[in-house]
Amino acid sequence: MQYHLNKQKCQNLNNISSQSIQQNTTLVIDNNNRLNDEIMKNQETFGSQVPSLPNRVAKMQMGDNIYSIPSEIRRLGDCYQHGIDVEKNELGHCYQHGIGTEKNEIEAFKLYKEAAYTGCVISNYNLGKCYYDGIGIEKNYDEAFKSYEEAAKKGHIISIYKLGQCYENGIGIEKSEIKSFEFYSKAAERGHLDSMYWLGCHHYGIGIGDMNKAFESYKEAADNGHLDSLYMLGICYFCSIEIKDNYVKAFESYKEAAERGHLDSICWLGKCYHYGFGIEENDTKAFELYSKAAERGHLDAMYHLGKCYENGIGITCDETKAFELYREAAEKGNIDSTYQLGYCYQHGIGTKRNDIRAIVLYKEAADKGNDNAKTILAYACDNPSQFFSECAVYS
């Protein structure tokens, strides 16, 4: 099979890069899939996968877009111009995703590898993805790291970010918060929003612990539309005692992120309405927001929704429904719900009283760090007869 130079694509890609720089347009593709329409037209054969990541734990699936700033687009144009096997990369993408042909991940991997060997930086990145995700080849984190490293040496911004993730989690390389921070910093300096976010997380507490710098990183990314950073900006406002009207600013950040569908922000917006943080208390609104987040599987929202049903907050009291919500969230790992479920068993709320079951759940919650459970267990150990007689009062 012959792979020929595509001069038209070369010209188009270089034109886009030049126009974007002249217009000072930010061509950052983040995990919210904000993609400049001009670039999208020239990326149809490459595609992208951009899942969201509201989790503080680093995940390799963030920021998987291939071209993120003008220099990346220009580099692709240079590849076409100098005959580097970009077309093998394109063909590999087609085989990987079944575009215009039967899906064949083994063939996709083979083509990415051939193109990477000729110096195609995008294929180095794609090869890393294949090794990491087991696409057309067995998973091999060591090889994934090497491929990302090779692409990063050539300036590929997403691969620089990926190296940060590798060092963050010890994937294919020894874990190093210092090296992780260095690579996030390099990518963030070039406008990569996910890297700004994780840089903020490092400042927030993963490694360095500097709230002011965390705030700066989150704000820069949030101002450019990064959804997770907008949520974390709200957290920074909420925790700050130095910023005037911090609860109001936190509420505004949560509200904006919630309106764009950010799950954690929907739950936190409910808390703001529930407790009057930055807005007048509104139990009905709080209940609605907890319900919305709980329907999408948010465990903390399930817990708070249970509290609403238990205490008649924004809804008619329904202890059975409260118990069911606590149980569902507890079974999925929510510690507060595990404690509350124990409380339900101790006092017969929404279920038949069961002292032994209550103690077991309190112990489980205490072992995972719940202070209320620790206090109750300590009291039960020191005053067993009093503890169980109090249980009987509520039965």
Protein backbone atom coordinates (compact mmCIF):
# COMPACT_ATOMS: atom_id res chain seq x y z
CA MET A 1 0.00 0.00 0.00
CA GLN A 2 1.34 3.45 -0.91
CA TYR A 3 1.15 6.44 1.41
CA HIS A 4 1.49 9.78 -0.40
CA LEU A 5 2.06 13.34 0.74
CA ASN A 6 -1.15 15.30 1.22
CA LYS A 7 -0.14 18.84 0.27
CA GLN A 8 -3.66 20.22 0.64
CA LYS A 9 -3.87 19.02 4.26
CA CYS A 10 -0.41 20.43 4.88
CA GLN A 11 -1.52 23.84 3.62
CA ASN A 12 -4.83 23.75 5.52
CA LEU A 13 -3.19 22.84 8.81
CA ASN A 14 -0.45 25.44 8.54
CA ASN A 15 -3.06 28.06 7.60
CA ILE A 16 -5.12 27.25 10.66
CA SER A 17 -2.07 27.57 12.89
CA SER A 18 -1.10 30.95 11.41
CA GLN A 19 -4.62 32.36 11.54
CA SER A 20 -5.08 31.21 15.12
CA ILE A 21 -1.89 32.88 16.30
CA GLN A 22 -2.75 36.12 14.48
CA GLN A 23 -6.21 36.18 16.07
CA ASN A 24 -4.77 35.23 19.48
CA THR A 25 -7.34 32.45 19.62
CA THR A 26 -7.00 29.92 22.42
CA LEU A 27 -7.03 26.54 20.77
CA VAL A 28 -7.14 24.46 23.91
CA ILE A 29 -9.10 21.25 23.83
CA ASP A 30 -10.10 20.36 27.39
CA ASN A 31 -12.07 17.56 29.01
CA ASN A 32 -15.27 19.54 28.33
CA ASN A 33 -14.76 19.06 24.58
CA ARG A 34 -14.53 22.78 23.77
CA LEU A 35 -13.12 22.49 20.30
CA ASN A 36 -12.60 25.35 17.88
CA ASP A 37 -14.83 24.75 14.86
CA GLU A 38 -12.04 25.54 12.41
CA ILE A 39 -9.83 22.82 13.83
CA MET A 40 -12.65 20.31 14.09
CA LYS A 41 -13.03 20.35 10.33
CA ASN A 42 -9.45 19.18 9.95
CA GLN A 43 -9.62 16.57 12.72
CA GLU A 44 -12.45 14.38 11.51
CA THR A 45 -10.07 11.62 10.52
CA PHE A 46 -8.33 11.66 13.89
CA GLY A 47 -11.18 11.90 16.40
CA SER A 48 -10.84 12.28 20.13
CA GLN A 49 -12.07 10.82 23.39
CA VAL A 50 -12.77 13.35 26.07
CA PRO A 51 -14.37 11.89 29.19
CA SER A 52 -14.93 14.18 32.15
CA LEU A 53 -13.05 13.78 35.39
CA PRO A 54 -14.49 15.28 38.56
CA ASN A 55 -12.38 12.99 40.70
CA ARG A 56 -9.35 14.18 42.68
CA VAL A 57 -7.62 10.87 41.89
CA ALA A 58 -5.53 11.15 38.74
CA LYS A 59 -6.88 9.16 35.80
CA MET A 60 -5.20 8.49 32.51
CA GLN A 61 -8.32 9.14 30.47
CA MET A 62 -8.26 12.91 30.88
CA GLY A 63 -7.21 15.23 28.07
CA ASP A 64 -6.91 12.64 25.33
CA ASN A 65 -7.31 15.14 22.50
CA ILE A 66 -4.42 15.04 20.08
CA TYR A 67 -4.05 18.69 19.05
CA SER A 68 -4.37 21.30 21.76
CA ILE A 69 -2.62 24.50 20.69
CA PRO A 70 -1.46 26.09 17.40
CA SER A 71 2.03 24.56 17.61
CA GLU A 72 0.48 21.08 17.56
CA ILE A 73 -1.50 21.89 14.42
CA ARG A 74 1.61 23.37 12.77
CA ARG A 75 3.64 20.30 13.69
CA LEU A 76 1.05 18.12 11.97
CA GLY A 77 1.33 20.31 8.90
CA ASP A 78 5.12 19.93 8.98
CA CYS A 79 4.70 16.17 9.05
CA TYR A 80 2.68 16.28 5.85
CA GLN A 81 5.17 18.68 4.29
CA HIS A 82 8.22 16.52 5.02
CA GLY A 83 6.65 13.19 4.19
CA ILE A 84 6.46 11.77 7.71
CA ASP A 85 3.92 8.94 7.78
CA VAL A 86 0.92 10.88 9.09
CA GLU A 87 -1.32 9.04 6.64
CA LYS A 88 -0.43 5.75 8.32
CA ASN A 89 -1.54 7.35 11.55
CA GLU A 90 -4.82 8.40 9.92
CA LEU A 91 -5.33 4.91 8.57
CA GLY A 92 -4.54 3.47 11.98
CA HIS A 93 -7.23 5.70 13.48
CA CYS A 94 -9.72 4.41 10.91
CA TYR A 95 -8.91 0.79 11.75
CA GLN A 96 -9.04 1.50 15.48
CA HIS A 97 -12.50 3.06 15.36
CA GLY A 98 -13.98 1.24 12.36
CA ILE A 99 -14.25 4.35 10.19
CA GLY A 100 -14.86 3.39 6.56
CA THR A 101 -13.57 -0.11 7.23
CA GLU A 102 -14.02 -3.02 9.59
CA LYS A 103 -12.63 -2.32 13.04
CA ASN A 104 -9.20 -3.91 13.47
CA GLU A 105 -7.23 -2.79 16.52
CA ILE A 106 -4.28 -5.05 15.75
CA GLU A 107 -3.86 -3.40 12.35
CA ALA A 108 -4.29 0.02 13.98
CA PHE A 109 -1.49 -0.71 16.44
CA LYS A 110 0.74 -1.94 13.62
CA LEU A 111 0.20 1.26 11.61
CA TYR A 112 0.75 3.53 14.61
CA LYS A 113 4.01 1.69 15.33
CA GLU A 114 5.23 2.01 11.73
CA ALA A 115 4.40 5.71 11.64
CA ALA A 116 6.02 6.30 15.03
CA TYR A 117 9.20 4.63 13.76
CA THR A 118 9.39 7.22 10.95
CA GLY A 119 9.11 10.07 13.45
CA CYS A 120 5.38 10.83 13.51
CA VAL A 121 4.88 12.41 16.93
CA ILE A 122 1.11 11.83 16.94
CA SER A 123 1.70 8.14 16.37
CA ASN A 124 4.09 8.04 19.33
CA TYR A 125 1.22 9.35 21.41
CA ASN A 126 -1.29 6.90 19.89
CA LEU A 127 1.15 4.07 20.48
CA GLY A 128 1.31 5.06 24.13
CA LYS A 129 -2.48 4.94 24.30
CA CYS A 130 -2.49 1.49 22.73
CA TYR A 131 0.02 0.16 25.22
CA TYR A 132 -1.83 1.78 28.12
CA ASP A 133 -5.35 0.66 27.16
CA GLY A 134 -4.42 -2.65 25.52
CA ILE A 135 -5.56 -1.62 22.04
CA GLY A 136 -4.30 -4.17 19.53
CA ILE A 137 -1.60 -5.27 21.95
CA GLU A 138 -1.35 -6.47 25.54
CA LYS A 139 -1.29 -3.70 28.13
CA ASN A 140 2.25 -2.64 28.84
CA TYR A 141 2.63 0.42 31.07
CA ASP A 142 6.41 0.52 30.65
CA GLU A 143 6.06 0.79 26.87
CA ALA A 144 3.23 3.30 27.26
CA PHE A 145 5.49 5.52 29.33
CA LYS A 146 8.30 5.22 26.76
CA SER A 147 5.98 6.19 23.91
CA TYR A 148 4.59 9.21 25.76
CA GLU A 149 8.15 10.19 26.68
CA GLU A 150 9.25 10.02 23.04
CA ALA A 151 6.34 12.20 21.93
CA ALA A 152 6.92 14.61 24.81
CA LYS A 153 10.56 15.07 23.77
CA LYS A 154 9.24 16.31 20.43
CA GLY A 155 6.98 18.81 22.19
CA HIS A 156 3.67 16.95 22.07
CA ILE A 157 1.69 18.72 24.78
CA ILE A 158 -0.79 15.94 25.60
CA SER A 159 2.10 13.51 26.01
CA ILE A 160 3.80 15.94 28.39
CA TYR A 161 0.58 15.91 30.40
CA LYS A 162 0.44 12.11 30.22
CA LEU A 163 3.95 11.89 31.67
CA GLY A 164 2.69 13.96 34.59
CA GLN A 165 -0.09 11.41 35.05
CA CYS A 166 2.36 8.52 34.85
CA TYR A 167 4.59 10.01 37.52
CA GLU A 168 1.51 10.89 39.59
CA ASN A 169 0.37 7.27 39.72
CA GLY A 170 3.62 5.34 39.23
CA ILE A 171 2.55 4.04 35.82
CA GLY A 172 5.51 2.60 33.90
CA ILE A 173 7.86 4.60 36.09
CA GLU A 174 8.57 5.09 39.77
CA LYS A 175 6.03 7.39 41.39
CA SER A 176 7.29 10.94 41.86
CA GLU A 177 5.18 13.92 42.88
CA ILE A 178 8.09 16.24 42.03
CA LYS A 179 8.38 14.95 38.44
CA SER A 180 4.62 14.91 38.08
CA PHE A 181 4.47 18.55 39.14
CA GLU A 182 7.25 19.43 36.67
CA PHE A 183 5.43 17.94 33.69
CA TYR A 184 2.07 19.44 34.64
CA SER A 185 3.85 22.81 34.91
CA LYS A 186 5.38 22.44 31.43
CA ALA A 187 2.05 21.57 29.85
CA ALA A 188 0.17 24.24 31.82
CA GLU A 189 2.62 26.91 30.64
CA ARG A 190 1.59 26.01 27.09
CA GLY A 191 -2.10 26.40 27.87
CA HIS A 192 -3.13 22.82 28.62
CA LEU A 193 -6.21 23.11 30.85
CA ASP A 194 -6.20 19.65 32.40
CA SER A 195 -2.60 20.27 33.45
CA MET A 196 -3.59 23.57 35.04
CA TYR A 197 -6.25 21.67 36.96
CA TRP A 198 -3.85 19.02 38.26
CA LEU A 199 -1.27 21.69 39.01
CA GLY A 200 -3.95 23.26 41.18
CA CYS A 201 -4.56 19.91 42.86
CA HIS A 202 -0.84 19.65 43.67
CA HIS A 203 -0.93 23.10 45.23
CA TYR A 204 -4.20 22.30 46.99
CA GLY A 205 -2.78 19.34 48.83
CA ILE A 206 -1.61 16.41 46.69
CA GLY A 207 1.98 17.50 47.02
CA ILE A 208 2.82 21.11 47.83
CA GLY A 209 -0.11 22.56 49.74
CA ASP A 210 -0.28 26.23 48.71
CA MET A 211 -3.88 27.46 48.57
CA ASN A 212 -3.02 30.76 46.88
CA LYS A 213 -1.25 29.04 43.99
CA ALA A 214 -3.98 26.39 43.83
CA PHE A 215 -6.52 29.19 43.47
CA GLU A 216 -4.49 30.81 40.68
CA SER A 217 -4.23 27.56 38.71
CA TYR A 218 -7.90 26.70 39.10
CA LYS A 219 -8.98 30.23 38.20
CA GLU A 220 -6.89 30.37 35.03
CA ALA A 221 -8.31 27.06 33.85
CA ALA A 222 -11.85 27.97 34.96
CA ASP A 223 -11.68 31.29 33.11
CA ASN A 224 -10.95 29.25 29.98
CA GLY A 225 -13.96 27.01 30.53
CA HIS A 226 -12.49 24.05 32.42
CA LEU A 227 -15.41 22.58 34.35
CA ASP A 228 -13.59 20.66 37.09
CA SER A 229 -11.49 23.75 37.81
CA LEU A 230 -14.63 25.85 38.13
CA TYR A 231 -15.87 23.42 40.78
CA MET A 232 -12.53 23.48 42.62
CA LEU A 233 -12.56 27.27 42.45
CA GLY A 234 -15.81 27.07 44.39
CA ILE A 235 -14.09 24.83 46.95
CA CYS A 236 -11.26 27.37 47.29
CA TYR A 237 -13.74 30.21 47.82
CA PHE A 238 -15.71 28.13 50.31
CA CYS A 239 -12.61 27.28 52.38
CA SER A 240 -11.12 30.76 52.30
CA ILE A 241 -11.46 33.09 55.28
CA GLU A 242 -9.51 35.86 53.54
CA ILE A 243 -11.73 36.47 50.49
CA LYS A 244 -14.61 38.87 51.05
CA ASP A 245 -18.04 37.32 50.40
CA ASN A 246 -16.34 33.96 49.92
CA TYR A 247 -19.57 31.98 50.33
CA VAL A 248 -21.27 34.12 47.68
CA LYS A 249 -18.40 33.54 45.25
CA ALA A 250 -18.43 29.83 46.05
CA PHE A 251 -22.17 29.70 45.37
CA GLU A 252 -21.68 31.46 42.03
CA SER A 253 -18.95 29.01 40.98
CA TYR A 254 -21.04 25.98 41.96
CA LYS A 255 -24.09 27.42 40.21
CA GLU A 256 -22.23 28.02 36.94
CA ALA A 257 -20.65 24.55 36.99
CA ALA A 258 -23.95 22.91 37.99
CA GLU A 259 -25.76 24.58 35.10
CA ARG A 260 -23.20 22.94 32.83
CA GLY A 261 -23.93 19.54 34.35
CA HIS A 262 -21.04 19.12 36.79
CA LEU A 263 -22.20 16.47 39.25
CA ASP A 264 -20.23 17.46 42.36
CA SER A 265 -21.29 21.07 41.84
CA ILE A 266 -24.97 20.11 41.71
CA CYS A 267 -24.62 18.46 45.12
CA TRP A 268 -22.68 21.41 46.56
CA LEU A 269 -25.25 23.85 45.20
CA GLY A 270 -27.83 21.82 47.11
CA LYS A 271 -25.75 22.26 50.27
CA CYS A 272 -25.60 26.01 49.68
CA TYR A 273 -29.40 26.20 49.50
CA HIS A 274 -29.75 23.78 52.42
CA TYR A 275 -27.48 25.62 54.83
CA GLY A 276 -27.67 29.15 53.43
CA PHE A 277 -24.11 29.39 52.11
CA GLY A 278 -23.97 32.47 49.87
CA ILE A 279 -27.72 32.35 49.23
CA GLU A 280 -30.92 32.42 51.27
CA GLU A 281 -31.88 28.99 52.66
CA ASN A 282 -34.33 27.14 50.42
CA ASP A 283 -35.17 23.59 51.51
CA THR A 284 -37.24 22.85 48.42
CA LYS A 285 -34.41 23.88 46.10
CA ALA A 286 -31.91 21.89 48.17
CA PHE A 287 -34.10 18.78 47.93
CA GLU A 288 -34.45 19.20 44.16
CA LEU A 289 -30.69 19.50 43.67
CA TYR A 290 -29.87 16.56 45.95
CA SER A 291 -32.43 14.50 44.03
CA LYS A 292 -30.94 15.50 40.68
CA ALA A 293 -27.41 14.52 41.73
CA ALA A 294 -28.56 11.33 43.48
CA GLU A 295 -30.37 10.19 40.34
CA ARG A 296 -27.01 10.33 38.58
CA GLY A 297 -25.39 8.19 41.26
CA HIS A 298 -23.73 10.85 43.44
CA LEU A 299 -23.25 9.14 46.82
CA ASP A 300 -22.93 12.25 48.98
CA ALA A 301 -26.14 13.55 47.41
CA MET A 302 -27.85 10.26 48.29
CA TYR A 303 -26.77 10.74 51.89
CA HIS A 304 -28.12 14.30 52.04
CA LEU A 305 -31.29 13.26 50.27
CA GLY A 306 -31.73 10.61 52.96
CA LYS A 307 -31.39 13.32 55.60
CA CYS A 308 -34.08 15.32 53.81
CA TYR A 309 -36.49 12.38 53.88
CA GLU A 310 -35.60 11.52 57.48
CA ASN A 311 -36.17 15.06 58.76
CA GLY A 312 -38.79 16.35 56.31
CA ILE A 313 -36.50 18.90 54.63
CA GLY A 314 -38.11 20.13 51.41
CA ILE A 315 -40.27 16.98 51.29
CA THR A 316 -42.72 15.09 53.48
CA CYS A 317 -40.93 12.97 56.08
CA ASP A 318 -40.44 9.37 54.93
CA GLU A 319 -38.15 7.33 57.20
CA THR A 320 -38.39 4.21 55.05
CA LYS A 321 -37.17 6.12 52.01
CA ALA A 322 -34.40 7.66 54.10
CA PHE A 323 -33.26 4.21 55.26
CA GLU A 324 -33.24 2.90 51.67
CA LEU A 325 -31.09 5.82 50.49
CA TYR A 326 -28.61 5.38 53.35
CA ARG A 327 -28.38 1.67 52.62
CA GLU A 328 -27.80 2.17 48.88
CA ALA A 329 -25.10 4.80 49.43
CA ALA A 330 -23.47 2.74 52.21
CA GLU A 331 -23.33 -0.36 50.03
CA LYS A 332 -21.47 1.74 47.44
CA GLY A 333 -18.93 2.99 49.96
CA ASN A 334 -20.27 6.26 51.38
CA ILE A 335 -18.93 6.43 54.95
CA ASP A 336 -21.43 8.98 56.27
CA SER A 337 -24.26 6.78 55.03
CA THR A 338 -22.71 3.75 56.74
CA TYR A 339 -22.77 5.67 60.03
CA GLN A 340 -26.33 6.90 59.42
CA LEU A 341 -27.47 3.38 58.57
CA GLY A 342 -26.10 2.23 61.92
CA TYR A 343 -28.02 5.06 63.56
CA CYS A 344 -31.20 3.88 61.84
CA TYR A 345 -30.70 0.34 63.15
CA GLN A 346 -29.90 1.64 66.64
CA HIS A 347 -33.05 3.76 66.86
CA GLY A 348 -35.40 1.86 64.55
CA ILE A 349 -35.65 4.57 61.89
CA GLY A 350 -37.24 3.18 58.74
CA THR A 351 -36.42 -0.37 59.83
CA LYS A 352 -36.69 -2.72 62.82
CA ARG A 353 -34.21 -1.97 65.62
CA ASN A 354 -31.11 -4.17 65.54
CA ASP A 355 -28.43 -3.30 68.11
CA ILE A 356 -25.88 -5.79 66.82
CA ARG A 357 -26.24 -4.56 63.25
CA ALA A 358 -25.89 -0.99 64.50
CA ILE A 359 -22.62 -1.78 66.29
CA VAL A 360 -21.23 -3.56 63.20
CA LEU A 361 -22.02 -0.54 61.00
CA TYR A 362 -20.61 1.95 63.52
CA LYS A 363 -17.40 -0.07 63.64
CA GLU A 364 -17.21 -0.15 59.83
CA ALA A 365 -17.71 3.62 59.65
CA ALA A 366 -15.24 4.25 62.48
CA ASP A 367 -12.58 2.13 60.81
CA LYS A 368 -12.94 4.35 57.74
CA GLY A 369 -12.53 7.54 59.75
CA ASN A 370 -16.06 8.65 60.71
CA ASP A 371 -15.70 10.64 63.95
CA ASN A 372 -19.35 10.30 65.01
CA ALA A 373 -19.08 6.53 64.79
CA LYS A 374 -15.87 6.59 66.83
CA THR A 375 -17.58 8.65 69.53
CA ILE A 376 -20.58 6.33 69.74
CA LEU A 377 -18.42 3.21 69.86
CA ALA A 378 -16.28 4.70 72.63
CA TYR A 379 -19.44 5.53 74.58
CA ALA A 380 -20.86 2.02 73.99
CA CYS A 381 -17.63 0.42 75.24
CA ASP A 382 -17.52 2.57 78.38
CA ASN A 383 -21.26 2.44 79.11
CA PRO A 384 -22.67 -0.73 77.50
CA SER A 385 -25.79 -1.03 79.65
CA GLN A 386 -26.60 2.66 79.26
CA PHE A 387 -26.01 2.50 75.48
CA PHE A 388 -28.37 -0.41 74.91
CA SER A 389 -31.01 0.98 77.26
CA GLU A 390 -30.99 4.20 75.25
CA CYS A 391 -31.44 2.15 72.10
CA ALA A 392 -34.49 0.51 73.64
CA VAL A 393 -36.10 3.89 74.35
CA TYR A 394 -36.26 4.57 70.58
CA SER A 395 -37.54 1.14 69.59
